[in-house]
Amino acid sequence: PRMHERGFVMVPLAELDSGVSVAGKTAAEW
């Protein structure tokens, strides 16, 4: 929950896989 609202999660996640799907959008889109 709320991971897509948190830069401290999304920045390192997008570094690993910017195209991974999170709640209907990619990490890069979030």
Full PDB file with SEQRES, HELIX, SHEET, SSBOND, CRYST1, ORIGX, SCALE, CONECT and MASTER records, all heavy atoms in Angstrom:
SEQRES   1 A   30  PRO ARG MET HIS GLU ARG GLY PHE VAL MET VAL PRO LEU          
SEQRES   2 A   30  ALA GLU LEU ASP SER GLY VAL SER VAL ALA GLY LYS THR          
SEQRES   3 A   30  ALA ALA GLU TRP                                              
HELIX    1 AA1 MET A    3  GLU A    5  5                                   3    
HELIX    2 AA2 GLY A    7  LEU A   16  1                                  10    
SHEET    1 AA1 2 SER A  21  VAL A  22  0                                        
SHEET    2 AA1 2 LYS A  25  THR A  26 -1                                        
CRYST1    1.000    1.000    1.000  90.00  90.00  90.00 P 1           1          
ORIGX1      1.000000  0.000000  0.000000        0.00000                         
ORIGX2      0.000000  1.000000  0.000000        0.00000                         
ORIGX3      0.000000  0.000000  1.000000        0.00000                         
SCALE1      1.000000  0.000000  0.000000        0.00000                         
SCALE2      0.000000  1.000000  0.000000        0.00000                         
SCALE3      0.000000  0.000000  1.000000        0.00000                         
ATOM      1  N   PRO A   1       0.823  -1.221   0.000  1.00  0.00           N  
ATOM      2  CA  PRO A   1       0.000   0.000   0.000  1.00  0.00           C  
ATOM      3  C   PRO A   1       0.856   1.271   0.000  1.00  0.00           C  
ATOM      4  O   PRO A   1       1.865   1.334   0.671  1.00  0.00           O  
ATOM      5  CB  PRO A   1      -0.807  -0.104   1.294  1.00  0.00           C  
ATOM      6  CG  PRO A   1      -0.514  -1.409   1.904  1.00  0.00           C  
ATOM      7  CD  PRO A   1       0.627  -2.044   1.174  1.00  0.00           C  
ATOM      8  N   ARG A   2       0.443   2.222  -0.760  1.00  0.00           N  
ATOM      9  CA  ARG A   2       1.063   3.550  -0.833  1.00  0.00           C  
ATOM     10  C   ARG A   2       2.480   3.556  -1.414  1.00  0.00           C  
ATOM     11  O   ARG A   2       3.113   4.598  -1.446  1.00  0.00           O  
ATOM     12  CB  ARG A   2       1.042   4.260   0.532  1.00  0.00           C  
ATOM     13  CG  ARG A   2      -0.364   4.511   1.071  1.00  0.00           C  
ATOM     14  CD  ARG A   2      -0.380   5.050   2.485  1.00  0.00           C  
ATOM     15  NE  ARG A   2       0.367   4.261   3.449  1.00  0.00           N  
ATOM     16  CZ  ARG A   2      -0.043   3.115   3.999  1.00  0.00           C  
ATOM     17  NH1 ARG A   2      -1.206   2.611   3.685  1.00  0.00           N  
ATOM     18  NH2 ARG A   2       0.709   2.467   4.870  1.00  0.00           N  
ATOM     19  N   MET A   3       2.990   2.408  -1.860  1.00  0.00           N  
ATOM     20  CA  MET A   3       4.366   2.417  -2.381  1.00  0.00           C  
ATOM     21  C   MET A   3       4.514   3.381  -3.554  1.00  0.00           C  
ATOM     22  O   MET A   3       5.544   4.040  -3.690  1.00  0.00           O  
ATOM     23  CB  MET A   3       4.836   1.016  -2.761  1.00  0.00           C  
ATOM     24  CG  MET A   3       4.117   0.393  -3.940  1.00  0.00           C  
ATOM     25  SD  MET A   3       4.774  -1.226  -4.390  1.00  0.00           S  
ATOM     26  CE  MET A   3       6.149  -0.762  -5.435  1.00  0.00           C  
ATOM     27  N   HIS A   4       3.481   3.489  -4.370  1.00  0.00           N  
ATOM     28  CA  HIS A   4       3.537   4.344  -5.556  1.00  0.00           C  
ATOM     29  C   HIS A   4       3.502   5.837  -5.193  1.00  0.00           C  
ATOM     30  O   HIS A   4       3.770   6.684  -6.041  1.00  0.00           O  
ATOM     31  CB  HIS A   4       2.386   4.001  -6.513  1.00  0.00           C  
ATOM     32  CG  HIS A   4       1.042   4.118  -5.902  1.00  0.00           C  
ATOM     33  ND1 HIS A   4       0.522   3.178  -5.050  1.00  0.00           N  
ATOM     34  CD2 HIS A   4       0.105   5.097  -6.009  1.00  0.00           C  
ATOM     35  CE1 HIS A   4      -0.682   3.561  -4.669  1.00  0.00           C  
ATOM     36  NE2 HIS A   4      -0.956   4.714  -5.222  1.00  0.00           N  
ATOM     37  N   GLU A   5       3.216   6.145  -3.928  1.00  0.00           N  
ATOM     38  CA  GLU A   5       3.210   7.528  -3.459  1.00  0.00           C  
ATOM     39  C   GLU A   5       4.542   7.921  -2.820  1.00  0.00           C  
ATOM     40  O   GLU A   5       4.717   9.071  -2.419  1.00  0.00           O  
ATOM     41  CB  GLU A   5       2.109   7.723  -2.411  1.00  0.00           C  
ATOM     42  CG  GLU A   5       0.714   7.423  -2.912  1.00  0.00           C  
ATOM     43  CD  GLU A   5      -0.312   7.371  -1.790  1.00  0.00           C  
ATOM     44  OE1 GLU A   5       0.050   7.587  -0.603  1.00  0.00           O  
ATOM     45  OE2 GLU A   5      -1.484   7.105  -2.096  1.00  0.00           O  
ATOM     46  N   ARG A   6       5.454   6.977  -2.718  1.00  0.00           N  
ATOM     47  CA  ARG A   6       6.674   7.197  -1.935  1.00  0.00           C  
ATOM     48  C   ARG A   6       7.921   7.150  -2.818  1.00  0.00           C  
ATOM     49  O   ARG A   6       8.298   6.107  -3.335  1.00  0.00           O  
ATOM     50  CB  ARG A   6       6.761   6.150  -0.832  1.00  0.00           C  
ATOM     51  CG  ARG A   6       5.612   6.320   0.153  1.00  0.00           C  
ATOM     52  CD  ARG A   6       5.618   5.299   1.223  1.00  0.00           C  
ATOM     53  NE  ARG A   6       4.629   5.657   2.240  1.00  0.00           N  
ATOM     54  CZ  ARG A   6       4.165   4.818   3.123  1.00  0.00           C  
ATOM     55  NH1 ARG A   6       4.572   3.563   3.136  1.00  0.00           N  
ATOM     56  NH2 ARG A   6       3.283   5.218   4.016  1.00  0.00           N  
ATOM     57  N   GLY A   7       8.542   8.304  -2.932  1.00  0.00           N  
ATOM     58  CA  GLY A   7       9.757   8.393  -3.735  1.00  0.00           C  
ATOM     59  C   GLY A   7      10.852   7.468  -3.252  1.00  0.00           C  
ATOM     60  O   GLY A   7      11.615   6.926  -4.052  1.00  0.00           O  
ATOM     61  N   PHE A   8      10.926   7.269  -1.925  1.00  0.00           N  
ATOM     62  CA  PHE A   8      11.995   6.426  -1.387  1.00  0.00           C  
ATOM     63  C   PHE A   8      11.843   4.973  -1.820  1.00  0.00           C  
ATOM     64  O   PHE A   8      12.795   4.199  -1.728  1.00  0.00           O  
ATOM     65  CB  PHE A   8      12.115   6.541   0.139  1.00  0.00           C  
ATOM     66  CG  PHE A   8      10.938   6.008   0.924  1.00  0.00           C  
ATOM     67  CD1 PHE A   8      10.837   4.667   1.233  1.00  0.00           C  
ATOM     68  CD2 PHE A   8       9.943   6.871   1.376  1.00  0.00           C  
ATOM     69  CE1 PHE A   8       9.769   4.179   1.981  1.00  0.00           C  
ATOM     70  CE2 PHE A   8       8.871   6.402   2.119  1.00  0.00           C  
ATOM     71  CZ  PHE A   8       8.784   5.046   2.412  1.00  0.00           C  
ATOM     72  N   VAL A   9      10.667   4.585  -2.303  1.00  0.00           N  
ATOM     73  CA  VAL A   9      10.445   3.260  -2.878  1.00  0.00           C  
ATOM     74  C   VAL A   9      10.578   3.315  -4.396  1.00  0.00           C  
ATOM     75  O   VAL A   9      11.256   2.490  -5.007  1.00  0.00           O  
ATOM     76  CB  VAL A   9       9.051   2.705  -2.506  1.00  0.00           C  
ATOM     77  CG1 VAL A   9       8.758   1.412  -3.248  1.00  0.00           C  
ATOM     78  CG2 VAL A   9       8.928   2.502  -1.010  1.00  0.00           C  
ATOM     79  N   MET A  10       9.926   4.287  -5.006  1.00  0.00           N  
ATOM     80  CA  MET A  10       9.834   4.304  -6.459  1.00  0.00           C  
ATOM     81  C   MET A  10      11.151   4.638  -7.156  1.00  0.00           C  
ATOM     82  O   MET A  10      11.418   4.127  -8.237  1.00  0.00           O  
ATOM     83  CB  MET A  10       8.721   5.262  -6.904  1.00  0.00           C  
ATOM     84  CG  MET A  10       7.329   4.855  -6.406  1.00  0.00           C  
ATOM     85  SD  MET A  10       6.883   3.119  -6.708  1.00  0.00           S  
ATOM     86  CE  MET A  10       6.768   3.117  -8.479  1.00  0.00           C  
ATOM     87  N   VAL A  11      11.987   5.470  -6.555  1.00  0.00           N  
ATOM     88  CA  VAL A  11      13.274   5.795  -7.186  1.00  0.00           C  
ATOM     89  C   VAL A  11      14.144   4.543  -7.311  1.00  0.00           C  
ATOM     90  O   VAL A  11      14.589   4.206  -8.415  1.00  0.00           O  
ATOM     91  CB  VAL A  11      14.001   6.943  -6.444  1.00  0.00           C  
ATOM     92  CG1 VAL A  11      15.444   7.064  -6.904  1.00  0.00           C  
ATOM     93  CG2 VAL A  11      13.261   8.257  -6.644  1.00  0.00           C  
ATOM     94  N   PRO A  12      14.393   3.799  -6.217  1.00  0.00           N  
ATOM     95  CA  PRO A  12      15.224   2.596  -6.390  1.00  0.00           C  
ATOM     96  C   PRO A  12      14.519   1.490  -7.182  1.00  0.00           C  
ATOM     97  O   PRO A  12      15.178   0.735  -7.912  1.00  0.00           O  
ATOM     98  CB  PRO A  12      15.546   2.153  -4.965  1.00  0.00           C  
ATOM     99  CG  PRO A  12      14.597   2.864  -4.079  1.00  0.00           C  
ATOM    100  CD  PRO A  12      14.136   4.083  -4.800  1.00  0.00           C  
ATOM    101  N   LEU A  13      13.183   1.391  -7.087  1.00  0.00           N  
ATOM    102  CA  LEU A  13      12.467   0.385  -7.866  1.00  0.00           C  
ATOM    103  C   LEU A  13      12.608   0.678  -9.356  1.00  0.00           C  
ATOM    104  O   LEU A  13      12.916  -0.223 -10.147  1.00  0.00           O  
ATOM    105  CB  LEU A  13      10.988   0.345  -7.467  1.00  0.00           C  
ATOM    106  CG  LEU A  13      10.115  -0.618  -8.281  1.00  0.00           C  
ATOM    107  CD1 LEU A  13      10.565  -2.062  -8.089  1.00  0.00           C  
ATOM    108  CD2 LEU A  13       8.645  -0.462  -7.900  1.00  0.00           C  
ATOM    109  N   ALA A  14      12.408   1.929  -9.749  1.00  0.00           N  
ATOM    110  CA  ALA A  14      12.529   2.305 -11.159  1.00  0.00           C  
ATOM    111  C   ALA A  14      13.957   2.112 -11.662  1.00  0.00           C  
ATOM    112  O   ALA A  14      14.171   1.808 -12.835  1.00  0.00           O  
ATOM    113  CB  ALA A  14      12.063   3.739 -11.363  1.00  0.00           C  
ATOM    114  N   GLU A  15      14.934   2.279 -10.773  1.00  0.00           N  
ATOM    115  CA  GLU A  15      16.322   2.023 -11.159  1.00  0.00           C  
ATOM    116  C   GLU A  15      16.495   0.556 -11.568  1.00  0.00           C  
ATOM    117  O   GLU A  15      17.193   0.252 -12.531  1.00  0.00           O  
ATOM    118  CB  GLU A  15      17.259   2.360  -9.993  1.00  0.00           C  
ATOM    119  CG  GLU A  15      18.714   2.071 -10.278  1.00  0.00           C  
ATOM    120  CD  GLU A  15      19.608   2.277  -9.066  1.00  0.00           C  
ATOM    121  OE1 GLU A  15      19.288   3.131  -8.203  1.00  0.00           O  
ATOM    122  OE2 GLU A  15      20.617   1.570  -8.975  1.00  0.00           O  
ATOM    123  N   LEU A  16      15.839  -0.344 -10.838  1.00  0.00           N  
ATOM    124  CA  LEU A  16      15.951  -1.771 -11.145  1.00  0.00           C  
ATOM    125  C   LEU A  16      15.102  -2.175 -12.345  1.00  0.00           C  
ATOM    126  O   LEU A  16      15.532  -2.974 -13.184  1.00  0.00           O  
ATOM    127  CB  LEU A  16      15.542  -2.619  -9.938  1.00  0.00           C  
ATOM    128  CG  LEU A  16      16.465  -2.605  -8.748  1.00  0.00           C  
ATOM    129  CD1 LEU A  16      15.943  -3.533  -7.664  1.00  0.00           C  
ATOM    130  CD2 LEU A  16      17.877  -3.011  -9.146  1.00  0.00           C  
ATOM    131  N   ASP A  17      13.869  -1.673 -12.418  1.00  0.00           N  
ATOM    132  CA  ASP A  17      12.958  -2.047 -13.506  1.00  0.00           C  
ATOM    133  C   ASP A  17      11.919  -0.950 -13.674  1.00  0.00           C  
ATOM    134  O   ASP A  17      10.869  -0.983 -13.024  1.00  0.00           O  
ATOM    135  CB  ASP A  17      12.283  -3.387 -13.211  1.00  0.00           C  
ATOM    136  CG  ASP A  17      11.445  -3.902 -14.372  1.00  0.00           C  
ATOM    137  OD1 ASP A  17      11.144  -3.109 -15.301  1.00  0.00           O  
ATOM    138  OD2 ASP A  17      11.073  -5.081 -14.350  1.00  0.00           O  
ATOM    139  N   SER A  18      12.196   0.003 -14.542  1.00  0.00           N  
ATOM    140  CA  SER A  18      11.291   1.145 -14.717  1.00  0.00           C  
ATOM    141  C   SER A  18       9.966   0.740 -15.351  1.00  0.00           C  
ATOM    142  O   SER A  18       8.982   1.455 -15.234  1.00  0.00           O  
ATOM    143  CB  SER A  18      11.963   2.230 -15.557  1.00  0.00           C  
ATOM    144  OG  SER A  18      12.261   1.722 -16.860  1.00  0.00           O  
ATOM    145  N   GLY A  19       9.922  -0.449 -15.971  1.00  0.00           N  
ATOM    146  CA  GLY A  19       8.704  -0.896 -16.623  1.00  0.00           C  
ATOM    147  C   GLY A  19       7.829  -1.807 -15.793  1.00  0.00           C  
ATOM    148  O   GLY A  19       6.761  -2.223 -16.247  1.00  0.00           O  
ATOM    149  N   VAL A  20       8.250  -2.109 -14.567  1.00  0.00           N  
ATOM    150  CA  VAL A  20       7.460  -3.012 -13.733  1.00  0.00           C  
ATOM    151  C   VAL A  20       6.118  -2.356 -13.411  1.00  0.00           C  
ATOM    152  O   VAL A  20       6.050  -1.156 -13.160  1.00  0.00           O  
ATOM    153  CB  VAL A  20       8.216  -3.436 -12.453  1.00  0.00           C  
ATOM    154  CG1 VAL A  20       8.376  -2.284 -11.474  1.00  0.00           C  
ATOM    155  CG2 VAL A  20       7.541  -4.620 -11.776  1.00  0.00           C  
ATOM    156  N   SER A  21       5.063  -3.154 -13.444  1.00  0.00           N  
ATOM    157  CA  SER A  21       3.711  -2.638 -13.229  1.00  0.00           C  
ATOM    158  C   SER A  21       3.388  -2.537 -11.745  1.00  0.00           C  
ATOM    159  O   SER A  21       3.582  -3.480 -10.984  1.00  0.00           O  
ATOM    160  CB  SER A  21       2.701  -3.560 -13.916  1.00  0.00           C  
ATOM    161  OG  SER A  21       1.393  -3.075 -13.707  1.00  0.00           O  
ATOM    162  N   VAL A  22       2.890  -1.365 -11.369  1.00  0.00           N  
ATOM    163  CA  VAL A  22       2.460  -1.096  -9.999  1.00  0.00           C  
ATOM    164  C   VAL A  22       1.084  -0.445 -10.090  1.00  0.00           C  
ATOM    165  O   VAL A  22       0.975   0.695 -10.554  1.00  0.00           O  
ATOM    166  CB  VAL A  22       3.442  -0.151  -9.260  1.00  0.00           C  
ATOM    167  CG1 VAL A  22       2.954   0.136  -7.857  1.00  0.00           C  
ATOM    168  CG2 VAL A  22       4.854  -0.706  -9.260  1.00  0.00           C  
ATOM    169  N   ALA A  23       0.051  -1.162  -9.691  1.00  0.00           N  
ATOM    170  CA  ALA A  23      -1.309  -0.612  -9.665  1.00  0.00           C  
ATOM    171  C   ALA A  23      -1.700   0.053 -10.986  1.00  0.00           C  
ATOM    172  O   ALA A  23      -2.211   1.170 -11.005  1.00  0.00           O  
ATOM    173  CB  ALA A  23      -1.461   0.349  -8.487  1.00  0.00           C  
ATOM    174  N   GLY A  24      -1.408  -0.610 -12.089  1.00  0.00           N  
ATOM    175  CA  GLY A  24      -1.868  -0.154 -13.382  1.00  0.00           C  
ATOM    176  C   GLY A  24      -0.971   0.809 -14.137  1.00  0.00           C  
ATOM    177  O   GLY A  24      -1.284   1.198 -15.263  1.00  0.00           O  
ATOM    178  N   LYS A  25       0.126   1.232 -13.536  1.00  0.00           N  
ATOM    179  CA  LYS A  25       1.087   2.102 -14.213  1.00  0.00           C  
ATOM    180  C   LYS A  25       2.479   1.538 -13.999  1.00  0.00           C  
ATOM    181  O   LYS A  25       2.705   0.758 -13.075  1.00  0.00           O  
ATOM    182  CB  LYS A  25       1.013   3.533 -13.642  1.00  0.00           C  
ATOM    183  CG  LYS A  25      -0.280   4.256 -13.969  1.00  0.00           C  
ATOM    184  CD  LYS A  25      -0.478   5.534 -13.179  1.00  0.00           C  
ATOM    185  CE  LYS A  25       0.448   6.643 -13.484  1.00  0.00           C  
ATOM    186  NZ  LYS A  25       0.066   7.911 -12.804  1.00  0.00           N  
ATOM    187  N   THR A  26       3.410   1.939 -14.836  1.00  0.00           N  
ATOM    188  CA  THR A  26       4.789   1.496 -14.637  1.00  0.00           C  
ATOM    189  C   THR A  26       5.447   2.303 -13.521  1.00  0.00           C  
ATOM    190  O   THR A  26       4.986   3.398 -13.172  1.00  0.00           O  
ATOM    191  CB  THR A  26       5.630   1.673 -15.917  1.00  0.00           C  
ATOM    192  OG1 THR A  26       5.783   3.076 -16.179  1.00  0.00           O  
ATOM    193  CG2 THR A  26       5.015   0.951 -17.106  1.00  0.00           C  
ATOM    194  N   ALA A  27       6.532   1.761 -13.003  1.00  0.00           N  
ATOM    195  CA  ALA A  27       7.283   2.486 -11.973  1.00  0.00           C  
ATOM    196  C   ALA A  27       7.717   3.850 -12.495  1.00  0.00           C  
ATOM    197  O   ALA A  27       7.640   4.856 -11.779  1.00  0.00           O  
ATOM    198  CB  ALA A  27       8.486   1.665 -11.521  1.00  0.00           C  
ATOM    199  N   ALA A  28       8.154   3.913 -13.742  1.00  0.00           N  
ATOM    200  CA  ALA A  28       8.589   5.187 -14.328  1.00  0.00           C  
ATOM    201  C   ALA A  28       7.433   6.181 -14.405  1.00  0.00           C  
ATOM    202  O   ALA A  28       7.621   7.376 -14.143  1.00  0.00           O  
ATOM    203  CB  ALA A  28       9.180   4.949 -15.716  1.00  0.00           C  
ATOM    204  N   GLU A  29       6.236   5.704 -14.757  1.00  0.00           N  
ATOM    205  CA  GLU A  29       5.081   6.600 -14.827  1.00  0.00           C  
ATOM    206  C   GLU A  29       4.723   7.142 -13.451  1.00  0.00           C  
ATOM    207  O   GLU A  29       4.433   8.339 -13.300  1.00  0.00           O  
ATOM    208  CB  GLU A  29       3.881   5.871 -15.448  1.00  0.00           C  
ATOM    209  CG  GLU A  29       4.054   5.606 -16.934  1.00  0.00           C  
ATOM    210  CD  GLU A  29       2.999   4.668 -17.501  1.00  0.00           C  
ATOM    211  OE1 GLU A  29       2.470   3.808 -16.760  1.00  0.00           O  
ATOM    212  OE2 GLU A  29       2.716   4.795 -18.702  1.00  0.00           O  
ATOM    213  N   TRP A  30       4.739   6.297 -12.435  1.00  0.00           N  
ATOM    214  CA  TRP A  30       4.468   6.771 -11.071  1.00  0.00           C  
ATOM    215  C   TRP A  30       5.527   7.782 -10.644  1.00  0.00           C  
ATOM    216  O   TRP A  30       5.226   8.797 -10.015  1.00  0.00           O  
ATOM    217  CB  TRP A  30       4.446   5.618 -10.073  1.00  0.00           C  
ATOM    218  CG  TRP A  30       3.194   4.800 -10.093  1.00  0.00           C  
ATOM    219  CD1 TRP A  30       3.071   3.491 -10.441  1.00  0.00           C  
ATOM    220  CD2 TRP A  30       1.876   5.236  -9.734  1.00  0.00           C  
ATOM    221  NE1 TRP A  30       1.762   3.087 -10.330  1.00  0.00           N  
ATOM    222  CE2 TRP A  30       1.005   4.135  -9.902  1.00  0.00           C  
ATOM    223  CE3 TRP A  30       1.346   6.449  -9.297  1.00  0.00           C  
ATOM    224  CZ2 TRP A  30      -0.358   4.204  -9.640  1.00  0.00           C  
ATOM    225  CZ3 TRP A  30      -0.022   6.519  -9.034  1.00  0.00           C  
ATOM    226  CH2 TRP A  30      -0.849   5.415  -9.202  1.00  0.00           C  
TER     227      TRP A  30                                                      
MASTER        0    0    0    2    2    0    0    6  226    1    0    3          
END                                                                             
